[in-house]
N, C-alpha and C. Protein backbone atom coordinates (compact mmCIF):
# COMPACT_ATOMS: atom_id res chain seq x y z
N MET A 1 15.47 -19.31 -3.81
CA MET A 1 15.42 -19.32 -2.22
C MET A 1 14.10 -19.23 -1.74
N ALA A 2 13.81 -19.93 -0.81
CA ALA A 2 12.53 -19.78 -0.23
C ALA A 2 12.45 -18.50 0.52
N GLY A 3 11.06 -17.89 0.10
CA GLY A 3 10.78 -16.68 0.82
C GLY A 3 11.17 -15.31 0.15
N VAL A 4 12.13 -15.41 -0.84
CA VAL A 4 12.52 -14.39 -1.68
C VAL A 4 11.64 -13.91 -2.84
N VAL A 5 11.34 -12.76 -2.85
CA VAL A 5 10.37 -12.64 -4.13
C VAL A 5 11.31 -12.65 -5.35
N GLY A 6 11.01 -13.76 -6.03
CA GLY A 6 11.88 -14.04 -7.36
C GLY A 6 10.91 -14.04 -8.44
N MET A 7 9.80 -13.23 -8.28
CA MET A 7 9.09 -12.97 -9.49
C MET A 7 9.15 -11.70 -9.97
N GLU A 8 8.82 -11.85 -11.30
CA GLU A 8 8.97 -10.25 -11.94
C GLU A 8 8.02 -9.46 -11.33
N ASN A 9 8.26 -8.05 -11.44
CA ASN A 9 7.52 -7.02 -11.11
C ASN A 9 7.01 -7.05 -9.58
N ASN A 10 7.72 -7.99 -8.57
CA ASN A 10 7.25 -8.14 -7.27
C ASN A 10 5.76 -7.98 -7.12
N GLN A 11 5.29 -9.20 -7.39
CA GLN A 11 3.70 -9.27 -7.42
C GLN A 11 2.88 -9.30 -6.07
N LEU A 12 3.76 -9.51 -5.03
CA LEU A 12 3.21 -9.41 -3.59
C LEU A 12 3.31 -7.84 -3.30
N LYS A 13 2.15 -7.16 -3.29
CA LYS A 13 2.47 -5.65 -2.45
C LYS A 13 1.86 -5.60 -1.25
N ASN A 14 2.44 -4.75 -0.76
CA ASN A 14 1.94 -4.69 1.19
C ASN A 14 1.67 -3.18 1.25
N GLN A 15 1.07 -3.01 2.33
CA GLN A 15 0.63 -1.69 2.91
C GLN A 15 1.14 -1.31 4.10
N ILE A 16 2.16 -2.12 4.52
CA ILE A 16 2.87 -1.96 5.89
C ILE A 16 3.30 -0.67 6.27
N ARG A 17 4.02 0.18 5.39
CA ARG A 17 4.56 1.59 5.59
C ARG A 17 3.20 2.60 6.08
N ARG A 18 2.05 2.38 5.37
CA ARG A 18 0.87 3.14 5.53
C ARG A 18 0.42 2.81 6.70
N LEU A 19 0.10 1.37 6.93
CA LEU A 19 -0.40 0.93 8.06
C LEU A 19 0.29 1.52 9.54
N ARG A 20 1.94 1.35 9.46
CA ARG A 20 2.72 1.80 10.36
C ARG A 20 2.62 3.41 10.74
N PHE A 21 2.19 4.20 9.78
CA PHE A 21 1.94 5.52 9.69
C PHE A 21 0.48 5.62 10.69
N ASP A 22 -0.51 5.19 10.02
CA ASP A 22 -1.63 5.10 10.60
C ASP A 22 -1.92 4.56 12.21
N ASN A 23 -0.66 3.88 12.30
CA ASN A 23 -1.00 3.31 13.80
C ASN A 23 0.33 4.26 14.70
N GLY A 24 -0.11 5.40 14.67
CA GLY A 24 0.80 6.35 15.63
C GLY A 24 2.15 6.51 15.14
N GLU A 25 2.69 6.17 13.64
CA GLU A 25 3.71 6.48 13.37
C GLU A 25 4.70 5.27 14.05
N MET A 26 4.05 3.99 13.86
CA MET A 26 5.08 3.05 14.37
C MET A 26 6.20 2.84 13.76
N THR A 27 7.27 2.39 14.45
CA THR A 27 8.55 2.37 13.77
C THR A 27 8.64 0.94 13.22
N GLN A 28 9.45 0.63 12.34
CA GLN A 28 9.55 -0.81 11.87
C GLN A 28 10.15 -1.46 13.19
N GLN A 29 10.90 -1.05 14.04
CA GLN A 29 11.60 -1.75 15.00
C GLN A 29 10.22 -2.09 15.96
N GLN A 30 9.51 -1.12 16.38
CA GLN A 30 8.16 -1.46 17.11
C GLN A 30 7.36 -2.72 16.37
N LEU A 31 7.22 -2.65 15.20
CA LEU A 31 6.71 -3.63 14.65
C LEU A 31 7.42 -4.99 14.47
N ALA A 32 8.59 -5.14 14.39
CA ALA A 32 9.63 -6.21 14.33
C ALA A 32 9.30 -6.67 15.93
N ASP A 33 9.41 -6.00 16.73
CA ASP A 33 9.22 -6.55 18.27
C ASP A 33 8.01 -7.27 18.52
N LEU A 34 6.85 -6.71 17.87
CA LEU A 34 5.57 -6.98 18.05
C LEU A 34 5.42 -8.56 17.20
N VAL A 35 5.97 -8.76 16.15
CA VAL A 35 5.71 -9.90 15.55
C VAL A 35 7.07 -10.97 15.72
N GLY A 36 8.17 -10.49 16.32
CA GLY A 36 9.39 -11.40 16.63
C GLY A 36 10.27 -11.70 15.54
N VAL A 37 10.62 -10.39 14.81
CA VAL A 37 11.63 -10.61 13.72
C VAL A 37 12.80 -9.31 14.01
N THR A 38 13.51 -9.31 13.22
CA THR A 38 14.49 -8.16 13.14
C THR A 38 13.88 -6.93 12.28
N ARG A 39 14.41 -5.87 12.57
CA ARG A 39 13.93 -4.73 11.92
C ARG A 39 14.08 -4.83 10.28
N GLN A 40 15.37 -5.35 10.11
CA GLN A 40 15.82 -5.60 8.81
C GLN A 40 15.01 -6.25 7.74
N THR A 41 14.23 -7.18 8.70
CA THR A 41 12.97 -8.31 7.96
C THR A 41 12.05 -7.19 7.56
N ILE A 42 11.57 -6.51 8.47
CA ILE A 42 10.23 -5.50 8.26
C ILE A 42 10.98 -4.73 7.11
N LEU A 43 11.82 -4.21 7.06
CA LEU A 43 12.56 -3.16 6.21
C LEU A 43 12.23 -4.09 4.74
N ALA A 44 12.85 -5.27 4.64
CA ALA A 44 13.07 -6.03 3.26
C ALA A 44 11.43 -6.33 2.85
N ILE A 45 10.60 -6.64 3.81
CA ILE A 45 9.03 -7.05 3.48
C ILE A 45 8.50 -5.68 2.90
N GLU A 46 8.79 -4.73 3.76
CA GLU A 46 8.18 -3.42 3.27
C GLU A 46 8.54 -2.71 1.92
N ALA A 47 9.73 -3.32 1.46
CA ALA A 47 10.52 -2.97 0.35
C ALA A 47 9.84 -3.65 -0.81
N GLY A 48 9.25 -4.91 -0.39
CA GLY A 48 9.01 -5.80 -1.58
C GLY A 48 10.25 -6.63 -2.13
N ASN A 49 11.13 -6.59 -1.05
CA ASN A 49 12.50 -7.48 -1.58
C ASN A 49 12.45 -8.68 -1.04
N TYR A 50 11.27 -9.21 -0.16
CA TYR A 50 11.22 -10.34 0.67
C TYR A 50 9.81 -10.60 0.92
N SER A 51 9.44 -11.96 0.62
CA SER A 51 7.99 -12.39 0.89
C SER A 51 7.80 -13.16 2.23
N PRO A 52 6.92 -12.77 3.44
CA PRO A 52 7.04 -13.32 4.64
C PRO A 52 6.30 -14.52 4.50
N SER A 53 6.71 -15.55 5.45
CA SER A 53 5.89 -16.69 5.79
C SER A 53 4.32 -16.55 5.75
N LEU A 54 3.63 -17.53 5.62
CA LEU A 54 2.25 -17.44 5.82
C LEU A 54 1.90 -16.98 7.56
N THR A 55 2.60 -17.52 8.33
CA THR A 55 2.67 -17.17 9.57
C THR A 55 2.93 -15.82 9.97
N LEU A 56 4.23 -15.43 9.30
CA LEU A 56 4.39 -13.85 9.65
C LEU A 56 3.59 -12.87 9.24
N ALA A 57 3.17 -13.44 7.69
CA ALA A 57 1.92 -12.18 7.28
C ALA A 57 0.87 -12.43 8.24
N PHE A 58 0.36 -13.40 8.84
CA PHE A 58 -0.80 -13.25 9.58
C PHE A 58 -0.37 -12.47 10.98
N LYS A 59 0.81 -12.60 11.49
CA LYS A 59 1.47 -11.98 12.60
C LYS A 59 1.43 -10.43 12.47
N ILE A 60 1.83 -10.13 11.24
CA ILE A 60 1.94 -8.44 10.84
C ILE A 60 0.40 -8.17 11.04
N ALA A 61 -0.51 -8.82 10.12
CA ALA A 61 -1.86 -8.44 10.16
C ALA A 61 -2.53 -8.31 11.52
N ASN A 62 -2.18 -9.22 12.16
CA ASN A 62 -2.99 -9.29 13.82
C ASN A 62 -2.09 -7.89 14.54
N ALA A 63 -0.73 -7.58 14.18
CA ALA A 63 -0.20 -6.40 14.97
C ALA A 63 -0.98 -5.14 14.71
N PHE A 64 -1.60 -4.76 13.46
CA PHE A 64 -2.31 -4.01 13.12
C PHE A 64 -3.84 -4.03 13.13
N LYS A 65 -4.32 -5.32 13.46
CA LYS A 65 -5.99 -5.67 14.00
C LYS A 65 -6.55 -5.39 12.35
N VAL A 66 -6.06 -5.87 11.72
CA VAL A 66 -6.64 -5.76 10.10
C VAL A 66 -6.40 -7.25 9.56
N PRO A 67 -7.44 -7.39 8.50
CA PRO A 67 -7.26 -8.63 8.01
C PRO A 67 -6.21 -8.95 7.03
N LEU A 68 -5.65 -10.07 6.88
CA LEU A 68 -4.43 -10.15 5.95
C LEU A 68 -4.48 -9.32 4.57
N GLU A 69 -5.65 -9.16 3.93
CA GLU A 69 -5.58 -8.92 2.43
C GLU A 69 -5.70 -7.23 2.40
N THR A 70 -5.68 -6.68 3.84
CA THR A 70 -5.38 -5.31 3.99
C THR A 70 -4.02 -4.84 3.99
N VAL A 71 -3.18 -5.85 4.55
CA VAL A 71 -2.02 -5.70 4.60
C VAL A 71 -1.02 -6.13 3.23
N PHE A 72 -1.49 -7.31 2.74
CA PHE A 72 -0.82 -7.65 1.42
C PHE A 72 -1.81 -7.90 0.34
N GLN A 73 -1.44 -7.81 -0.92
CA GLN A 73 -2.16 -8.04 -2.15
C GLN A 73 -1.39 -8.74 -3.07
N TYR A 74 -2.05 -9.78 -3.80
CA TYR A 74 -1.11 -10.42 -4.72
C TYR A 74 -1.44 -9.93 -6.14
N GLU A 75 -0.70 -9.35 -6.93
CA GLU A 75 -1.18 -8.84 -7.95
C GLU A 75 -0.76 -9.67 -9.22
N GLY A 76 -0.36 -10.91 -9.17
CA GLY A 76 0.06 -11.76 -10.33
C GLY A 76 -1.19 -12.54 -10.77
N LYS A 77 -0.80 -13.25 -12.00
CA LYS A 77 -1.89 -13.95 -12.46
C LYS A 77 -1.58 -15.11 -12.36
N ILE A 78 -2.94 -16.09 -12.15
CA ILE A 78 -3.16 -17.36 -11.77
C ILE A 78 -3.22 -17.82 -12.87
N SER A 79 -2.41 -18.94 -13.49
CA SER A 79 -2.55 -19.69 -14.55
C SER A 79 -3.30 -21.20 -14.25
N GLY A 80 -4.27 -21.54 -15.02
CA GLY A 80 -4.64 -22.91 -14.79
C GLY A 80 -5.21 -23.75 -16.00
């Protein structure tokens, strides 16, 4: 299924919870409203159960006014 983290060990990590706390203890609902998704979507991304689209990932980073890499980190191996 597109968007769902189907990889072992949830290789896409994020700092959303920390960033919400650092931004005045922003709620999941406040972040969801800023980026145009449901609170449940933010919950799933934050928990590592759902990988956001690239567009949504950038919207989340922009909401916190930080680079994308500050919010999301890919911890998998790239084979080539």
